[in-house]
Amino acid sequence: MESLQSQFDAAAQAAMNLPARPDNETMLRLYALFKQAKSGDASGNRPGMFDMVGRAKFDAWAALKGMPPEEAMQAYIDLVHSLNN
């Protein structure tokens, strides 16, 4: 059976070639799960109010605070799989 890391890597590649672009909320969820899986809890300063995209991405990532990386990987894999079907 494939390791969680190899499944995650395959899902990251698959996310680049989705049949249709997901809505913004789903894109933020993908971003946040990926960052949580790779980097752990959000760090650094929250972007300023004029950087709306950066701020939304940071907030989505920060909302996952405390989620273990393995759980984030599995959630990312499941989300990408659901978007491909």
N, C-alpha and C. Protein backbone atom coordinates (compact mmCIF):
# COMPACT_ATOMS: atom_id res chain seq x y z
N MET A 1 0.84 -1.19 0.00
CA MET A 1 0.00 0.00 0.00
C MET A 1 0.89 1.25 0.00
N GLU A 2 0.46 2.25 -0.73
CA GLU A 2 1.22 3.50 -0.83
C GLU A 2 1.28 4.21 0.51
N SER A 3 2.40 4.83 0.76
CA SER A 3 2.53 5.62 1.99
C SER A 3 1.67 6.87 1.88
N LEU A 4 1.35 7.43 3.03
CA LEU A 4 0.56 8.66 3.06
C LEU A 4 1.27 9.77 2.30
N GLN A 5 2.59 9.87 2.47
CA GLN A 5 3.36 10.91 1.79
C GLN A 5 3.29 10.75 0.28
N SER A 6 3.40 9.53 -0.23
CA SER A 6 3.35 9.35 -1.68
C SER A 6 1.94 9.62 -2.22
N GLN A 7 0.92 9.27 -1.44
CA GLN A 7 -0.46 9.59 -1.84
C GLN A 7 -0.67 11.11 -1.87
N PHE A 8 -0.10 11.79 -0.88
CA PHE A 8 -0.19 13.25 -0.80
C PHE A 8 0.50 13.89 -2.00
N ASP A 9 1.69 13.41 -2.32
CA ASP A 9 2.44 13.94 -3.46
C ASP A 9 1.66 13.73 -4.76
N ALA A 10 1.03 12.56 -4.91
CA ALA A 10 0.24 12.28 -6.10
C ALA A 10 -0.99 13.19 -6.15
N ALA A 11 -1.60 13.44 -5.00
CA ALA A 11 -2.76 14.33 -4.95
C ALA A 11 -2.36 15.75 -5.30
N ALA A 12 -1.19 16.18 -4.85
CA ALA A 12 -0.71 17.53 -5.17
C ALA A 12 -0.53 17.67 -6.68
N GLN A 13 -0.02 16.64 -7.33
CA GLN A 13 0.12 16.66 -8.79
C GLN A 13 -1.24 16.67 -9.46
N ALA A 14 -2.16 15.85 -8.95
CA ALA A 14 -3.50 15.77 -9.52
C ALA A 14 -4.24 17.09 -9.37
N ALA A 15 -3.98 17.81 -8.29
CA ALA A 15 -4.65 19.10 -8.05
C ALA A 15 -4.28 20.12 -9.12
N MET A 16 -3.12 19.96 -9.72
CA MET A 16 -2.69 20.88 -10.78
C MET A 16 -3.44 20.63 -12.09
N ASN A 17 -4.06 19.46 -12.21
CA ASN A 17 -4.72 19.08 -13.46
C ASN A 17 -6.18 18.71 -13.25
N LEU A 18 -6.87 19.45 -12.39
CA LEU A 18 -8.28 19.17 -12.14
C LEU A 18 -9.09 19.44 -13.40
N PRO A 19 -10.18 18.68 -13.60
CA PRO A 19 -10.99 18.88 -14.81
C PRO A 19 -11.62 20.27 -14.88
N ALA A 20 -11.93 20.87 -13.74
CA ALA A 20 -12.51 22.21 -13.70
C ALA A 20 -11.92 22.95 -12.51
N ARG A 21 -11.81 24.27 -12.63
CA ARG A 21 -11.29 25.06 -11.52
C ARG A 21 -12.33 25.09 -10.41
N PRO A 22 -11.94 24.69 -9.19
CA PRO A 22 -12.89 24.73 -8.07
C PRO A 22 -13.24 26.18 -7.70
N ASP A 23 -14.33 26.32 -6.96
CA ASP A 23 -14.72 27.65 -6.49
C ASP A 23 -13.67 28.16 -5.51
N ASN A 24 -13.73 29.45 -5.19
CA ASN A 24 -12.72 30.07 -4.35
C ASN A 24 -12.64 29.45 -2.96
N GLU A 25 -13.78 29.08 -2.39
CA GLU A 25 -13.78 28.48 -1.06
C GLU A 25 -13.03 27.15 -1.06
N THR A 26 -13.24 26.35 -2.10
CA THR A 26 -12.55 25.07 -2.22
C THR A 26 -11.06 25.29 -2.47
N MET A 27 -10.73 26.29 -3.26
CA MET A 27 -9.32 26.61 -3.50
C MET A 27 -8.62 26.99 -2.19
N LEU A 28 -9.31 27.79 -1.36
CA LEU A 28 -8.73 28.16 -0.06
C LEU A 28 -8.56 26.93 0.81
N ARG A 29 -9.51 26.02 0.77
CA ARG A 29 -9.42 24.78 1.57
C ARG A 29 -8.23 23.94 1.10
N LEU A 30 -8.06 23.82 -0.20
CA LEU A 30 -6.90 23.08 -0.74
C LEU A 30 -5.60 23.72 -0.27
N TYR A 31 -5.52 25.04 -0.40
CA TYR A 31 -4.32 25.77 0.02
C TYR A 31 -4.03 25.53 1.50
N ALA A 32 -5.05 25.71 2.33
CA ALA A 32 -4.87 25.59 3.78
C ALA A 32 -4.45 24.18 4.18
N LEU A 33 -5.08 23.18 3.61
CA LEU A 33 -4.71 21.80 3.94
C LEU A 33 -3.28 21.49 3.49
N PHE A 34 -2.92 21.97 2.30
CA PHE A 34 -1.56 21.75 1.80
C PHE A 34 -0.54 22.39 2.73
N LYS A 35 -0.77 23.66 3.10
CA LYS A 35 0.16 24.36 3.98
C LYS A 35 0.24 23.70 5.35
N GLN A 36 -0.90 23.27 5.89
CA GLN A 36 -0.90 22.63 7.20
C GLN A 36 -0.13 21.31 7.14
N ALA A 37 -0.29 20.58 6.05
CA ALA A 37 0.41 19.30 5.89
C ALA A 37 1.91 19.51 5.75
N LYS A 38 2.31 20.53 5.01
CA LYS A 38 3.73 20.75 4.73
C LYS A 38 4.45 21.56 5.81
N SER A 39 3.76 22.55 6.41
CA SER A 39 4.43 23.49 7.30
C SER A 39 3.91 23.51 8.73
N GLY A 40 2.83 22.81 9.00
CA GLY A 40 2.25 22.86 10.35
C GLY A 40 1.42 24.12 10.53
N ASP A 41 1.25 24.54 11.77
CA ASP A 41 0.40 25.68 12.08
C ASP A 41 0.91 26.96 11.40
N ALA A 42 -0.05 27.83 11.07
CA ALA A 42 0.27 29.10 10.41
C ALA A 42 1.26 29.90 11.25
N SER A 43 2.19 30.53 10.56
CA SER A 43 3.19 31.33 11.25
C SER A 43 3.38 32.63 10.48
N GLY A 44 4.04 33.56 11.10
CA GLY A 44 4.27 34.85 10.46
C GLY A 44 3.13 35.80 10.75
N ASN A 45 3.25 36.97 10.18
CA ASN A 45 2.24 37.99 10.38
C ASN A 45 1.10 37.85 9.39
N ARG A 46 -0.09 38.18 9.84
CA ARG A 46 -1.26 38.16 8.96
C ARG A 46 -1.11 39.32 7.97
N PRO A 47 -1.32 39.07 6.67
CA PRO A 47 -1.21 40.14 5.69
C PRO A 47 -2.17 41.29 5.99
N GLY A 48 -1.81 42.47 5.54
CA GLY A 48 -2.61 43.66 5.78
C GLY A 48 -3.93 43.63 5.02
N MET A 49 -4.79 44.58 5.37
CA MET A 49 -6.14 44.58 4.81
C MET A 49 -6.18 44.88 3.31
N PHE A 50 -5.11 45.41 2.75
CA PHE A 50 -5.09 45.67 1.31
C PHE A 50 -4.65 44.44 0.50
N ASP A 51 -4.15 43.44 1.17
CA ASP A 51 -3.78 42.17 0.52
C ASP A 51 -4.88 41.16 0.83
N MET A 52 -6.02 41.33 0.14
CA MET A 52 -7.19 40.51 0.45
C MET A 52 -6.97 39.02 0.17
N VAL A 53 -6.29 38.72 -0.92
CA VAL A 53 -6.04 37.32 -1.25
C VAL A 53 -5.10 36.69 -0.22
N GLY A 54 -4.01 37.36 0.07
CA GLY A 54 -3.06 36.85 1.06
C GLY A 54 -3.70 36.69 2.42
N ARG A 55 -4.55 37.62 2.77
CA ARG A 55 -5.23 37.57 4.06
C ARG A 55 -6.19 36.39 4.13
N ALA A 56 -6.94 36.17 3.05
CA ALA A 56 -7.88 35.04 3.00
C ALA A 56 -7.13 33.71 3.09
N LYS A 57 -6.01 33.62 2.39
CA LYS A 57 -5.21 32.39 2.44
C LYS A 57 -4.66 32.16 3.84
N PHE A 58 -4.13 33.21 4.46
CA PHE A 58 -3.59 33.10 5.80
C PHE A 58 -4.69 32.68 6.78
N ASP A 59 -5.86 33.31 6.69
CA ASP A 59 -6.96 32.99 7.60
C ASP A 59 -7.43 31.55 7.44
N ALA A 60 -7.49 31.08 6.20
CA ALA A 60 -7.91 29.69 5.96
C ALA A 60 -6.90 28.72 6.58
N TRP A 61 -5.62 29.03 6.44
CA TRP A 61 -4.57 28.20 7.03
C TRP A 61 -4.62 28.26 8.55
N ALA A 62 -4.75 29.46 9.11
CA ALA A 62 -4.77 29.64 10.56
C ALA A 62 -5.97 28.92 11.20
N ALA A 63 -7.05 28.76 10.44
CA ALA A 63 -8.24 28.08 10.96
C ALA A 63 -7.97 26.60 11.24
N LEU A 64 -6.90 26.06 10.66
CA LEU A 64 -6.57 24.64 10.86
C LEU A 64 -5.57 24.43 12.00
N LYS A 65 -5.33 25.47 12.78
CA LYS A 65 -4.34 25.38 13.87
C LYS A 65 -4.61 24.16 14.73
N GLY A 66 -3.55 23.39 14.99
CA GLY A 66 -3.65 22.21 15.83
C GLY A 66 -3.93 20.92 15.08
N MET A 67 -4.28 21.02 13.80
CA MET A 67 -4.53 19.80 13.01
C MET A 67 -3.19 19.13 12.73
N PRO A 68 -3.08 17.84 13.07
CA PRO A 68 -1.82 17.14 12.79
C PRO A 68 -1.54 17.07 11.29
N PRO A 69 -0.27 17.15 10.89
CA PRO A 69 0.06 17.10 9.45
C PRO A 69 -0.49 15.87 8.74
N GLU A 70 -0.49 14.73 9.40
CA GLU A 70 -1.00 13.51 8.76
C GLU A 70 -2.49 13.63 8.47
N GLU A 71 -3.23 14.24 9.39
CA GLU A 71 -4.67 14.44 9.19
C GLU A 71 -4.91 15.43 8.05
N ALA A 72 -4.09 16.47 7.97
CA ALA A 72 -4.21 17.44 6.89
C ALA A 72 -3.89 16.79 5.55
N MET A 73 -2.89 15.93 5.52
CA MET A 73 -2.55 15.21 4.28
C MET A 73 -3.73 14.38 3.82
N GLN A 74 -4.32 13.62 4.74
CA GLN A 74 -5.44 12.75 4.37
C GLN A 74 -6.63 13.56 3.90
N ALA A 75 -6.93 14.67 4.57
CA ALA A 75 -8.04 15.53 4.16
C ALA A 75 -7.78 16.12 2.77
N TYR A 76 -6.54 16.49 2.50
CA TYR A 76 -6.16 17.03 1.19
C TYR A 76 -6.35 15.96 0.11
N ILE A 77 -5.87 14.77 0.39
CA ILE A 77 -6.01 13.65 -0.56
C ILE A 77 -7.48 13.40 -0.86
N ASP A 78 -8.29 13.36 0.20
CA ASP A 78 -9.73 13.10 0.02
C ASP A 78 -10.40 14.21 -0.78
N LEU A 79 -10.04 15.46 -0.52
CA LEU A 79 -10.64 16.58 -1.24
C LEU A 79 -10.26 16.55 -2.71
N VAL A 80 -9.00 16.34 -3.01
CA VAL A 80 -8.57 16.27 -4.42
C VAL A 80 -9.25 15.11 -5.12
N HIS A 81 -9.36 13.98 -4.44
CA HIS A 81 -10.04 12.81 -5.04
C HIS A 81 -11.49 13.15 -5.35
N SER A 82 -12.18 13.83 -4.44
CA SER A 82 -13.58 14.18 -4.67
C SER A 82 -13.73 15.16 -5.84
N LEU A 83 -12.74 16.03 -6.04
CA LEU A 83 -12.79 16.99 -7.14
C LEU A 83 -12.50 16.35 -8.49
N ASN A 84 -11.83 15.22 -8.47
CA ASN A 84 -11.50 14.51 -9.72
C ASN A 84 -12.61 13.57 -10.16
N ASN A 85 -13.59 13.38 -9.32
CA ASN A 85 -14.69 12.45 -9.66
C ASN A 85 -15.99 13.18 -9.92
